[in-house]
Amino acid sequence: MDQYGDDSKRKPSKGSVLTEEQKKAHHIASEKKRRENIRSEFDKIVSLTPTLSESENRSELNILTKSADYICDLKQENHRLIELCRSKGIPVPPELLYTGPASDGSDITK
């Protein structure tokens, strides 16, 4: 009986066939790919946020701060436009109403 509690012969997993050098190389390549994907998504955020430019400080904090500010501005503009429509008797489809998290952070559990 083996360590898993049965008599069957188990094939070694694919991971156990790799040498330590191969595992390390795979880990390095995976980490590089992860960082490239994150940078690509930050580039996308910069291109979608009008208050960010390609030439200014590209720190992640700056990108996230300005993007969050821009999203808050969009939410306020959306609310203003919905109220304007309602005041003029124009029906507003439910999919145009913001139903996401509260902007004051009260929806975040601690």
PDB file of N, CA and C in Angstrom:
ATOM      1  N   MET A   1       0.852  -1.179   0.000  1.00  0.00           N
ATOM      2  CA  MET A   1       0.000   0.000   0.000  1.00  0.00           C
ATOM      3  C   MET A   1       0.897   1.242   0.000  1.00  0.00           C
ATOM      4  N   ASP A   2       0.544   2.256  -0.818  1.00  0.00           N
ATOM      5  CA  ASP A   2       1.377   3.450  -0.898  1.00  0.00           C
ATOM      6  C   ASP A   2       0.914   4.529   0.081  1.00  0.00           C
ATOM      7  N   GLN A   3       1.554   5.695   0.005  1.00  0.00           N
ATOM      8  CA  GLN A   3       1.239   6.796   0.925  1.00  0.00           C
ATOM      9  C   GLN A   3      -0.157   7.362   0.736  1.00  0.00           C
ATOM     10  N   TYR A   4      -0.809   7.060  -0.381  1.00  0.00           N
ATOM     11  CA  TYR A   4      -2.137   7.580  -0.657  1.00  0.00           C
ATOM     12  C   TYR A   4      -3.233   6.622  -0.199  1.00  0.00           C
ATOM     13  N   GLY A   5      -2.843   5.487   0.373  1.00  0.00           N
ATOM     14  CA  GLY A   5      -3.818   4.557   0.913  1.00  0.00           C
ATOM     15  C   GLY A   5      -4.378   3.569  -0.082  1.00  0.00           C
ATOM     16  N   ASP A   6      -3.726   3.385  -1.242  1.00  0.00           N
ATOM     17  CA  ASP A   6      -4.202   2.361  -2.170  1.00  0.00           C
ATOM     18  C   ASP A   6      -3.014   1.603  -2.745  1.00  0.00           C
ATOM     19  N   ASP A   7      -3.320   0.503  -3.395  1.00  0.00           N
ATOM     20  CA  ASP A   7      -2.276  -0.361  -3.924  1.00  0.00           C
ATOM     21  C   ASP A   7      -1.900  -0.032  -5.362  1.00  0.00           C
ATOM     22  N   SER A   8      -2.651   0.881  -5.999  1.00  0.00           N
ATOM     23  CA  SER A   8      -2.385   1.156  -7.412  1.00  0.00           C
ATOM     24  C   SER A   8      -1.061   1.896  -7.570  1.00  0.00           C
ATOM     25  N   LYS A   9      -0.431   1.628  -8.665  1.00  0.00           N
ATOM     26  CA  LYS A   9       0.818   2.309  -8.983  1.00  0.00           C
ATOM     27  C   LYS A   9       0.459   3.657  -9.616  1.00  0.00           C
ATOM     28  N   ARG A  10       0.997   4.713  -9.063  1.00  0.00           N
ATOM     29  CA  ARG A  10       0.730   6.051  -9.593  1.00  0.00           C
ATOM     30  C   ARG A  10       1.874   6.478 -10.492  1.00  0.00           C
ATOM     31  N   LYS A  11       1.494   7.115 -11.589  1.00  0.00           N
ATOM     32  CA  LYS A  11       2.501   7.678 -12.475  1.00  0.00           C
ATOM     33  C   LYS A  11       3.069   8.935 -11.824  1.00  0.00           C
ATOM     34  N   PRO A  12       4.331   9.184 -11.987  1.00  0.00           N
ATOM     35  CA  PRO A  12       4.860  10.437 -11.448  1.00  0.00           C
ATOM     36  C   PRO A  12       4.207  11.611 -12.188  1.00  0.00           C
ATOM     37  N   SER A  13       3.920  12.640 -11.452  1.00  0.00           N
ATOM     38  CA  SER A  13       3.287  13.807 -12.091  1.00  0.00           C
ATOM     39  C   SER A  13       4.269  14.444 -13.054  1.00  0.00           C
ATOM     40  N   LYS A  14       3.729  15.193 -13.987  1.00  0.00           N
ATOM     41  CA  LYS A  14       4.562  15.835 -15.000  1.00  0.00           C
ATOM     42  C   LYS A  14       5.607  16.746 -14.360  1.00  0.00           C
ATOM     43  N   GLY A  15       5.197  17.409 -13.274  1.00  0.00           N
ATOM     44  CA  GLY A  15       6.098  18.341 -12.608  1.00  0.00           C
ATOM     45  C   GLY A  15       7.324  17.658 -12.028  1.00  0.00           C
ATOM     46  N   SER A  16       7.194  16.416 -11.635  1.00  0.00           N
ATOM     47  CA  SER A  16       8.326  15.729 -11.015  1.00  0.00           C
ATOM     48  C   SER A  16       9.381  15.315 -12.039  1.00  0.00           C
ATOM     49  N   VAL A  17       9.068  15.407 -13.311  1.00  0.00           N
ATOM     50  CA  VAL A  17      10.010  15.019 -14.355  1.00  0.00           C
ATOM     51  C   VAL A  17      10.962  16.172 -14.675  1.00  0.00           C
ATOM     52  N   LEU A  18      10.583  17.378 -14.330  1.00  0.00           N
ATOM     53  CA  LEU A  18      11.407  18.541 -14.627  1.00  0.00           C
ATOM     54  C   LEU A  18      12.572  18.641 -13.654  1.00  0.00           C
ATOM     55  N   THR A  19      13.682  19.088 -14.172  1.00  0.00           N
ATOM     56  CA  THR A  19      14.830  19.336 -13.295  1.00  0.00           C
ATOM     57  C   THR A  19      14.593  20.644 -12.553  1.00  0.00           C
ATOM     58  N   GLU A  20      15.374  20.866 -11.532  1.00  0.00           N
ATOM     59  CA  GLU A  20      15.246  22.116 -10.769  1.00  0.00           C
ATOM     60  C   GLU A  20      15.511  23.320 -11.670  1.00  0.00           C
ATOM     61  N   GLU A  21      16.467  23.201 -12.584  1.00  0.00           N
ATOM     62  CA  GLU A  21      16.763  24.297 -13.512  1.00  0.00           C
ATOM     63  C   GLU A  21      15.583  24.578 -14.431  1.00  0.00           C
ATOM     64  N   GLN A  22      14.923  23.512 -14.904  1.00  0.00           N
ATOM     65  CA  GLN A  22      13.751  23.688 -15.762  1.00  0.00           C
ATOM     66  C   GLN A  22      12.604  24.329 -14.991  1.00  0.00           C
ATOM     67  N   LYS A  23      12.406  23.894 -13.739  1.00  0.00           N
ATOM     68  CA  LYS A  23      11.361  24.490 -12.909  1.00  0.00           C
ATOM     69  C   LYS A  23      11.626  25.976 -12.702  1.00  0.00           C
ATOM     70  N   LYS A  24      12.877  26.317 -12.429  1.00  0.00           N
ATOM     71  CA  LYS A  24      13.250  27.714 -12.205  1.00  0.00           C
ATOM     72  C   LYS A  24      13.033  28.535 -13.476  1.00  0.00           C
ATOM     73  N   ALA A  25      13.446  27.989 -14.623  1.00  0.00           N
ATOM     74  CA  ALA A  25      13.271  28.694 -15.899  1.00  0.00           C
ATOM     75  C   ALA A  25      11.785  28.894 -16.195  1.00  0.00           C
ATOM     76  N   HIS A  26      10.978  27.876 -15.902  1.00  0.00           N
ATOM     77  CA  HIS A  26       9.533  27.972 -16.130  1.00  0.00           C
ATOM     78  C   HIS A  26       8.929  29.037 -15.223  1.00  0.00           C
ATOM     79  N   HIS A  27       9.355  29.050 -13.972  1.00  0.00           N
ATOM     80  CA  HIS A  27       8.860  30.049 -13.017  1.00  0.00           C
ATOM     81  C   HIS A  27       9.229  31.464 -13.467  1.00  0.00           C
ATOM     82  N   ILE A  28      10.455  31.644 -13.904  1.00  0.00           N
ATOM     83  CA  ILE A  28      10.916  32.960 -14.369  1.00  0.00           C
ATOM     84  C   ILE A  28      10.109  33.406 -15.583  1.00  0.00           C
ATOM     85  N   ALA A  29       9.896  32.488 -16.521  1.00  0.00           N
ATOM     86  CA  ALA A  29       9.119  32.825 -17.723  1.00  0.00           C
ATOM     87  C   ALA A  29       7.668  33.159 -17.367  1.00  0.00           C
ATOM     88  N   SER A  30       7.087  32.386 -16.447  1.00  0.00           N
ATOM     89  CA  SER A  30       5.702  32.643 -16.025  1.00  0.00           C
ATOM     90  C   SER A  30       5.587  34.002 -15.345  1.00  0.00           C
ATOM     91  N   GLU A  31       6.538  34.306 -14.500  1.00  0.00           N
ATOM     92  CA  GLU A  31       6.521  35.597 -13.792  1.00  0.00           C
ATOM     93  C   GLU A  31       6.702  36.765 -14.771  1.00  0.00           C
ATOM     94  N   LYS A  32       7.566  36.583 -15.758  1.00  0.00           N
ATOM     95  CA  LYS A  32       7.764  37.622 -16.765  1.00  0.00           C
ATOM     96  C   LYS A  32       6.469  37.862 -17.545  1.00  0.00           C
ATOM     97  N   LYS A  33       5.803  36.771 -17.917  1.00  0.00           N
ATOM     98  CA  LYS A  33       4.537  36.876 -18.653  1.00  0.00           C
ATOM     99  C   LYS A  33       3.480  37.575 -17.803  1.00  0.00           C
ATOM    100  N   ARG A  34       3.425  37.256 -16.498  1.00  0.00           N
ATOM    101  CA  ARG A  34       2.469  37.893 -15.587  1.00  0.00           C
ATOM    102  C   ARG A  34       2.724  39.401 -15.518  1.00  0.00           C
ATOM    103  N   ARG A  35       3.998  39.798 -15.388  1.00  0.00           N
ATOM    104  CA  ARG A  35       4.336  41.231 -15.330  1.00  0.00           C
ATOM    105  C   ARG A  35       3.994  41.933 -16.643  1.00  0.00           C
ATOM    106  N   GLU A  36       4.233  41.269 -17.776  1.00  0.00           N
ATOM    107  CA  GLU A  36       3.887  41.852 -19.077  1.00  0.00           C
ATOM    108  C   GLU A  36       2.379  42.059 -19.195  1.00  0.00           C
ATOM    109  N   ASN A  37       1.595  41.090 -18.724  1.00  0.00           N
ATOM    110  CA  ASN A  37       0.132  41.220 -18.771  1.00  0.00           C
ATOM    111  C   ASN A  37      -0.352  42.367 -17.897  1.00  0.00           C
ATOM    112  N   ILE A  38       0.225  42.503 -16.713  1.00  0.00           N
ATOM    113  CA  ILE A  38      -0.152  43.608 -15.825  1.00  0.00           C
ATOM    114  C   ILE A  38       0.198  44.943 -16.485  1.00  0.00           C
ATOM    115  N   ARG A  39       1.393  45.061 -17.042  1.00  0.00           N
ATOM    116  CA  ARG A  39       1.816  46.312 -17.688  1.00  0.00           C
ATOM    117  C   ARG A  39       0.892  46.623 -18.865  1.00  0.00           C
ATOM    118  N   SER A  40       0.513  45.605 -19.628  1.00  0.00           N
ATOM    119  CA  SER A  40      -0.389  45.800 -20.760  1.00  0.00           C
ATOM    120  C   SER A  40      -1.733  46.354 -20.301  1.00  0.00           C
ATOM    121  N   GLU A  41      -2.252  45.830 -19.190  1.00  0.00           N
ATOM    122  CA  GLU A  41      -3.539  46.324 -18.669  1.00  0.00           C
ATOM    123  C   GLU A  41      -3.408  47.746 -18.137  1.00  0.00           C
ATOM    124  N   PHE A  42      -2.279  48.079 -17.511  1.00  0.00           N
ATOM    125  CA  PHE A  42      -2.067  49.457 -17.078  1.00  0.00           C
ATOM    126  C   PHE A  42      -1.979  50.388 -18.288  1.00  0.00           C
ATOM    127  N   ASP A  43      -1.336  49.934 -19.369  1.00  0.00           N
ATOM    128  CA  ASP A  43      -1.283  50.735 -20.605  1.00  0.00           C
ATOM    129  C   ASP A  43      -2.688  50.986 -21.138  1.00  0.00           C
ATOM    130  N   LYS A  44      -3.542  49.975 -21.064  1.00  0.00           N
ATOM    131  CA  LYS A  44      -4.918  50.106 -21.520  1.00  0.00           C
ATOM    132  C   LYS A  44      -5.662  51.144 -20.674  1.00  0.00           C
ATOM    133  N   ILE A  45      -5.459  51.092 -19.354  1.00  0.00           N
ATOM    134  CA  ILE A  45      -6.092  52.074 -18.465  1.00  0.00           C
ATOM    135  C   ILE A  45      -5.627  53.483 -18.807  1.00  0.00           C
ATOM    136  N   VAL A  46      -4.328  53.655 -19.061  1.00  0.00           N
ATOM    137  CA  VAL A  46      -3.795  54.976 -19.426  1.00  0.00           C
ATOM    138  C   VAL A  46      -4.459  55.469 -20.710  1.00  0.00           C
ATOM    139  N   SER A  47      -4.652  54.588 -21.680  1.00  0.00           N
ATOM    140  CA  SER A  47      -5.246  55.015 -22.951  1.00  0.00           C
ATOM    141  C   SER A  47      -6.726  55.375 -22.806  1.00  0.00           C
ATOM    142  N   LEU A  48      -7.401  54.831 -21.792  1.00  0.00           N
ATOM    143  CA  LEU A  48      -8.828  55.085 -21.587  1.00  0.00           C
ATOM    144  C   LEU A  48      -9.111  56.240 -20.629  1.00  0.00           C
ATOM    145  N   THR A  49      -8.104  56.732 -19.954  1.00  0.00           N
ATOM    146  CA  THR A  49      -8.289  57.775 -18.948  1.00  0.00           C
ATOM    147  C   THR A  49      -7.754  59.095 -19.480  1.00  0.00           C
ATOM    148  N   PRO A  50      -8.657  60.051 -19.799  1.00  0.00           N
ATOM    149  CA  PRO A  50      -8.215  61.303 -20.421  1.00  0.00           C
ATOM    150  C   PRO A  50      -7.300  62.161 -19.545  1.00  0.00           C
ATOM    151  N   THR A  51      -7.345  61.969 -18.227  1.00  0.00           N
ATOM    152  CA  THR A  51      -6.492  62.781 -17.360  1.00  0.00           C
ATOM    153  C   THR A  51      -5.079  62.213 -17.248  1.00  0.00           C
ATOM    154  N   LEU A  52      -4.811  61.125 -17.939  1.00  0.00           N
ATOM    155  CA  LEU A  52      -3.468  60.543 -17.976  1.00  0.00           C
ATOM    156  C   LEU A  52      -2.878  60.719 -19.364  1.00  0.00           C
ATOM    157  N   SER A  53      -1.597  60.973 -19.409  1.00  0.00           N
ATOM    158  CA  SER A  53      -0.934  61.065 -20.706  1.00  0.00           C
ATOM    159  C   SER A  53       0.213  60.073 -20.735  1.00  0.00           C
ATOM    160  N   GLU A  54       0.620  59.719 -21.925  1.00  0.00           N
ATOM    161  CA  GLU A  54       1.692  58.739 -22.105  1.00  0.00           C
ATOM    162  C   GLU A  54       3.015  59.244 -21.527  1.00  0.00           C
ATOM    163  N   SER A  55       3.189  60.569 -21.436  1.00  0.00           N
ATOM    164  CA  SER A  55       4.479  61.118 -21.034  1.00  0.00           C
ATOM    165  C   SER A  55       4.604  61.388 -19.542  1.00  0.00           C
ATOM    166  N   GLU A  56       3.505  61.394 -18.802  1.00  0.00           N
ATOM    167  CA  GLU A  56       3.609  61.731 -17.381  1.00  0.00           C
ATOM    168  C   GLU A  56       3.996  60.532 -16.522  1.00  0.00           C
ATOM    169  N   ASN A  57       4.124  60.779 -15.254  1.00  0.00           N
ATOM    170  CA  ASN A  57       4.511  59.751 -14.287  1.00  0.00           C
ATOM    171  C   ASN A  57       3.651  58.506 -14.461  1.00  0.00           C
ATOM    172  N   ARG A  58       4.301  57.380 -14.711  1.00  0.00           N
ATOM    173  CA  ARG A  58       3.576  56.136 -14.971  1.00  0.00           C
ATOM    174  C   ARG A  58       3.543  55.229 -13.750  1.00  0.00           C
ATOM    175  N   SER A  59       3.650  55.807 -12.555  1.00  0.00           N
ATOM    176  CA  SER A  59       3.585  54.948 -11.379  1.00  0.00           C
ATOM    177  C   SER A  59       2.195  54.326 -11.295  1.00  0.00           C
ATOM    178  N   GLU A  60       2.137  53.133 -10.763  1.00  0.00           N
ATOM    179  CA  GLU A  60       0.856  52.448 -10.648  1.00  0.00           C
ATOM    180  C   GLU A  60      -0.096  53.236  -9.756  1.00  0.00           C
ATOM    181  N   LEU A  61       0.433  53.862  -8.714  1.00  0.00           N
ATOM    182  CA  LEU A  61      -0.408  54.658  -7.825  1.00  0.00           C
ATOM    183  C   LEU A  61      -1.026  55.832  -8.579  1.00  0.00           C
ATOM    184  N   ASN A  62      -0.242  56.525  -9.381  1.00  0.00           N
ATOM    185  CA  ASN A  62      -0.755  57.655 -10.166  1.00  0.00           C
ATOM    186  C   ASN A  62      -1.828  57.195 -11.151  1.00  0.00           C
ATOM    187  N   ILE A  63      -1.581  56.093 -11.820  1.00  0.00           N
ATOM    188  CA  ILE A  63      -2.539  55.559 -12.790  1.00  0.00           C
ATOM    189  C   ILE A  63      -3.843  55.174 -12.098  1.00  0.00           C
ATOM    190  N   LEU A  64      -3.753  54.462 -10.985  1.00  0.00           N
ATOM    191  CA  LEU A  64      -4.956  54.029 -10.279  1.00  0.00           C
ATOM    192  C   LEU A  64      -5.718  55.210  -9.687  1.00  0.00           C
ATOM    193  N   THR A  65      -5.002  56.186  -9.133  1.00  0.00           N
ATOM    194  CA  THR A  65      -5.649  57.356  -8.532  1.00  0.00           C
ATOM    195  C   THR A  65      -6.407  58.160  -9.574  1.00  0.00           C
ATOM    196  N   LYS A  66      -5.739  58.485 -10.674  1.00  0.00           N
ATOM    197  CA  LYS A  66      -6.395  59.288 -11.713  1.00  0.00           C
ATOM    198  C   LYS A  66      -7.527  58.521 -12.392  1.00  0.00           C
ATOM    199  N   SER A  67      -7.378  57.221 -12.541  1.00  0.00           N
ATOM    200  CA  SER A  67      -8.442  56.411 -13.137  1.00  0.00           C
ATOM    201  C   SER A  67      -9.660  56.360 -12.223  1.00  0.00           C
ATOM    202  N   ALA A  68      -9.423  56.197 -10.928  1.00  0.00           N
ATOM    203  CA  ALA A  68     -10.533  56.170  -9.969  1.00  0.00           C
ATOM    204  C   ALA A  68     -11.247  57.516  -9.955  1.00  0.00           C
ATOM    205  N   ASP A  69     -10.487  58.613  -9.999  1.00  0.00           N
ATOM    206  CA  ASP A  69     -11.094  59.950 -10.049  1.00  0.00           C
ATOM    207  C   ASP A  69     -11.952  60.110 -11.303  1.00  0.00           C
ATOM    208  N   TYR A  70     -11.449  59.629 -12.429  1.00  0.00           N
ATOM    209  CA  TYR A  70     -12.175  59.725 -13.687  1.00  0.00           C
ATOM    210  C   TYR A  70     -13.470  58.907 -13.634  1.00  0.00           C
ATOM    211  N   ILE A  71     -13.406  57.718 -13.047  1.00  0.00           N
ATOM    212  CA  ILE A  71     -14.603  56.889 -12.919  1.00  0.00           C
ATOM    213  C   ILE A  71     -15.638  57.582 -12.037  1.00  0.00           C
ATOM    214  N   CYS A  72     -15.189  58.204 -10.955  1.00  0.00           N
ATOM    215  CA  CYS A  72     -16.115  58.962 -10.091  1.00  0.00           C
ATOM    216  C   CYS A  72     -16.772  60.098 -10.873  1.00  0.00           C
ATOM    217  N   ASP A  73     -15.984  60.793 -11.693  1.00  0.00           N
ATOM    218  CA  ASP A  73     -16.537  61.874 -12.526  1.00  0.00           C
ATOM    219  C   ASP A  73     -17.584  61.327 -13.495  1.00  0.00           C
ATOM    220  N   LEU A  74     -17.301  60.172 -14.096  1.00  0.00           N
ATOM    221  CA  LEU A  74     -18.260  59.559 -15.020  1.00  0.00           C
ATOM    222  C   LEU A  74     -19.551  59.178 -14.306  1.00  0.00           C
ATOM    223  N   LYS A  75     -19.428  58.645 -13.096  1.00  0.00           N
ATOM    224  CA  LYS A  75     -20.617  58.290 -12.321  1.00  0.00           C
ATOM    225  C   LYS A  75     -21.457  59.528 -12.017  1.00  0.00           C
ATOM    226  N   GLN A  76     -20.803  60.633 -11.646  1.00  0.00           N
ATOM    227  CA  GLN A  76     -21.528  61.873 -11.358  1.00  0.00           C
ATOM    228  C   GLN A  76     -22.220  62.402 -12.612  1.00  0.00           C
ATOM    229  N   GLU A  77     -21.526  62.348 -13.734  1.00  0.00           N
ATOM    230  CA  GLU A  77     -22.114  62.806 -14.997  1.00  0.00           C
ATOM    231  C   GLU A  77     -23.293  61.923 -15.382  1.00  0.00           C
ATOM    232  N   ASN A  78     -23.173  60.623 -15.195  1.00  0.00           N
ATOM    233  CA  ASN A  78     -24.266  59.697 -15.462  1.00  0.00           C
ATOM    234  C   ASN A  78     -25.479  60.048 -14.598  1.00  0.00           C
ATOM    235  N   HIS A  79     -25.248  60.296 -13.314  1.00  0.00           N
ATOM    236  CA  HIS A  79     -26.335  60.650 -12.397  1.00  0.00           C
ATOM    237  C   HIS A  79     -26.993  61.963 -12.840  1.00  0.00           C
ATOM    238  N   ARG A  80     -26.178  62.944 -13.216  1.00  0.00           N
ATOM    239  CA  ARG A  80     -26.702  64.237 -13.656  1.00  0.00           C
ATOM    240  C   ARG A  80     -27.578  64.076 -14.900  1.00  0.00           C
ATOM    241  N   LEU A  81     -27.118  63.286 -15.852  1.00  0.00           N
ATOM    242  CA  LEU A  81     -27.874  63.082 -17.087  1.00  0.00           C
ATOM    243  C   LEU A  81     -29.183  62.320 -16.831  1.00  0.00           C
ATOM    244  N   ILE A  82     -29.131  61.356 -15.932  1.00  0.00           N
ATOM    245  CA  ILE A  82     -30.355  60.610 -15.600  1.00  0.00           C
ATOM    246  C   ILE A  82     -31.372  61.539 -14.950  1.00  0.00           C
ATOM    247  N   GLU A  83     -30.912  62.373 -14.027  1.00  0.00           N
ATOM    248  CA  GLU A  83     -31.820  63.330 -13.378  1.00  0.00           C
ATOM    249  C   GLU A  83     -32.388  64.316 -14.392  1.00  0.00           C
ATOM    250  N   LEU A  84     -31.589  64.747 -15.349  1.00  0.00           N
ATOM    251  CA  LEU A  84     -32.060  65.654 -16.397  1.00  0.00           C
ATOM    252  C   LEU A  84     -33.135  64.972 -17.236  1.00  0.00           C
ATOM    253  N   CYS A  85     -32.900  63.718 -17.611  1.00  0.00           N
ATOM    254  CA  CYS A  85     -33.902  62.965 -18.380  1.00  0.00           C
ATOM    255  C   CYS A  85     -35.203  62.843 -17.589  1.00  0.00           C
ATOM    256  N   ARG A  86     -35.085  62.469 -16.329  1.00  0.00           N
ATOM    257  CA  ARG A  86     -36.273  62.301 -15.499  1.00  0.00           C
ATOM    258  C   ARG A  86     -37.044  63.616 -15.344  1.00  0.00           C
ATOM    259  N   SER A  87     -36.330  64.726 -15.202  1.00  0.00           N
ATOM    260  CA  SER A  87     -37.003  66.021 -15.037  1.00  0.00           C
ATOM    261  C   SER A  87     -37.754  66.429 -16.303  1.00  0.00           C
ATOM    262  N   LYS A  88     -37.338  65.880 -17.443  1.00  0.00           N
ATOM    263  CA  LYS A  88     -38.001  66.178 -18.712  1.00  0.00           C
ATOM    264  C   LYS A  88     -38.989  65.086 -19.108  1.00  0.00           C
ATOM    265  N   GLY A  89     -39.201  64.109 -18.200  1.00  0.00           N
ATOM    266  CA  GLY A  89     -40.159  63.042 -18.464  1.00  0.00           C
ATOM    267  C   GLY A  89     -39.664  61.977 -19.426  1.00  0.00           C
ATOM    268  N   ILE A  90     -38.361  61.910 -19.627  1.00  0.00           N
ATOM    269  CA  ILE A  90     -37.779  60.910 -20.536  1.00  0.00           C
ATOM    270  C   ILE A  90     -37.486  59.646 -19.731  1.00  0.00           C
ATOM    271  N   PRO A  91     -38.051  58.514 -20.124  1.00  0.00           N
ATOM    272  CA  PRO A  91     -37.787  57.277 -19.382  1.00  0.00           C
ATOM    273  C   PRO A  91     -36.315  56.846 -19.537  1.00  0.00           C
ATOM    274  N   VAL A  92     -35.759  56.358 -18.453  1.00  0.00           N
ATOM    275  CA  VAL A  92     -34.362  55.916 -18.454  1.00  0.00           C
ATOM    276  C   VAL A  92     -34.335  54.393 -18.297  1.00  0.00           C
ATOM    277  N   PRO A  93     -33.782  53.693 -19.285  1.00  0.00           N
ATOM    278  CA  PRO A  93     -33.708  52.226 -19.192  1.00  0.00           C
ATOM    279  C   PRO A  93     -32.868  51.804 -17.980  1.00  0.00           C
ATOM    280  N   PRO A  94     -33.252  50.741 -17.317  1.00  0.00           N
ATOM    281  CA  PRO A  94     -32.537  50.292 -16.111  1.00  0.00           C
ATOM    282  C   PRO A  94     -31.048  50.022 -16.337  1.00  0.00           C
ATOM    283  N   GLU A  95     -30.681  49.586 -17.536  1.00  0.00           N
ATOM    284  CA  GLU A  95     -29.260  49.279 -17.786  1.00  0.00           C
ATOM    285  C   GLU A  95     -28.375  50.532 -17.791  1.00  0.00           C
ATOM    286  N   LEU A  96     -28.986  51.712 -17.835  1.00  0.00           N
ATOM    287  CA  LEU A  96     -28.209  52.955 -17.773  1.00  0.00           C
ATOM    288  C   LEU A  96     -28.009  53.445 -16.336  1.00  0.00           C
ATOM    289  N   LEU A  97     -28.676  52.810 -15.389  1.00  0.00           N
ATOM    290  CA  LEU A  97     -28.549  53.204 -13.993  1.00  0.00           C
ATOM    291  C   LEU A  97     -27.363  52.487 -13.357  1.00  0.00           C
ATOM    292  N   TYR A  98     -26.561  53.228 -12.621  1.00  0.00           N
ATOM    293  CA  TYR A  98     -25.405  52.632 -11.947  1.00  0.00           C
ATOM    294  C   TYR A  98     -25.885  51.823 -10.756  1.00  0.00           C
ATOM    295  N   THR A  99     -25.498  50.556 -10.715  1.00  0.00           N
ATOM    296  CA  THR A  99     -25.914  49.692  -9.609  1.00  0.00           C
ATOM    297  C   THR A  99     -24.707  49.048  -8.935  1.00  0.00           C
ATOM    298  N   GLY A 100     -23.534  49.576  -9.199  1.00  0.00           N
ATOM    299  CA  GLY A 100     -22.305  49.010  -8.629  1.00  0.00           C
ATOM    300  C   GLY A 100     -22.111  49.423  -7.180  1.00  0.00           C
ATOM    301  N   PRO A 101     -20.904  49.221  -6.669  1.00  0.00           N
ATOM    302  CA  PRO A 101     -20.609  49.535  -5.284  1.00  0.00           C
ATOM    303  C   PRO A 101     -20.748  51.036  -4.987  1.00  0.00           C
ATOM    304  N   ALA A 102     -20.997  51.351  -3.729  1.00  0.00           N
ATOM    305  CA  ALA A 102     -21.087  52.748  -3.307  1.00  0.00           C
ATOM    306  C   ALA A 102     -19.711  53.387  -3.428  1.00  0.00           C
ATOM    307  N   SER A 103     -19.666  54.660  -3.783  1.00  0.00           N
ATOM    308  CA  SER A 103     -18.380  55.329  -3.961  1.00  0.00           C
ATOM    309  C   SER A 103     -17.771  55.811  -2.658  1.00  0.00           C
ATOM    310  N   ASP A 104     -18.528  55.718  -1.546  1.00  0.00           N
ATOM    311  CA  ASP A 104     -17.989  56.167  -0.270  1.00  0.00           C
ATOM    312  C   ASP A 104     -17.247  55.060   0.477  1.00  0.00           C
ATOM    313  N   GLY A 105     -17.187  53.884  -0.119  1.00  0.00           N
ATOM    314  CA  GLY A 105     -16.480  52.770   0.505  1.00  0.00           C
ATOM    315  C   GLY A 105     -17.294  52.025   1.538  1.00  0.00           C
ATOM    316  N   SER A 106     -18.556  52.425   1.740  1.00  0.00           N
ATOM    317  CA  SER A 106     -19.373  51.777   2.771  1.00  0.00           C
ATOM    318  C   SER A 106     -19.736  50.344   2.435  1.00  0.00           C
ATOM    319  N   ASP A 107     -19.551  49.953   1.192  1.00  0.00           N
ATOM    320  CA  ASP A 107     -19.891  48.600   0.771  1.00  0.00           C
ATOM    321  C   ASP A 107     -18.732  47.623   0.971  1.00  0.00           C
ATOM    322  N   ILE A 108     -17.586  48.119   1.367  1.00  0.00           N
ATOM    323  CA  ILE A 108     -16.409  47.265   1.531  1.00  0.00           C
ATOM    324  C   ILE A 108     -16.402  46.698   2.947  1.00  0.00           C
ATOM    325  N   THR A 109     -16.338  45.381   3.030  1.00  0.00           N
ATOM    326  CA  THR A 109     -16.300  44.752   4.358  1.00  0.00           C
ATOM    327  C   THR A 109     -14.883  44.781   4.892  1.00  0.00           C
ATOM    328  N   LYS A 110     -14.794  44.854   6.176  1.00  0.00           N
ATOM    329  CA  LYS A 110     -13.449  44.927   6.782  1.00  0.00           C
ATOM    330  C   LYS A 110     -13.047  43.620   7.380  1.00  0.00           C
TER     331      LYS A 110
END
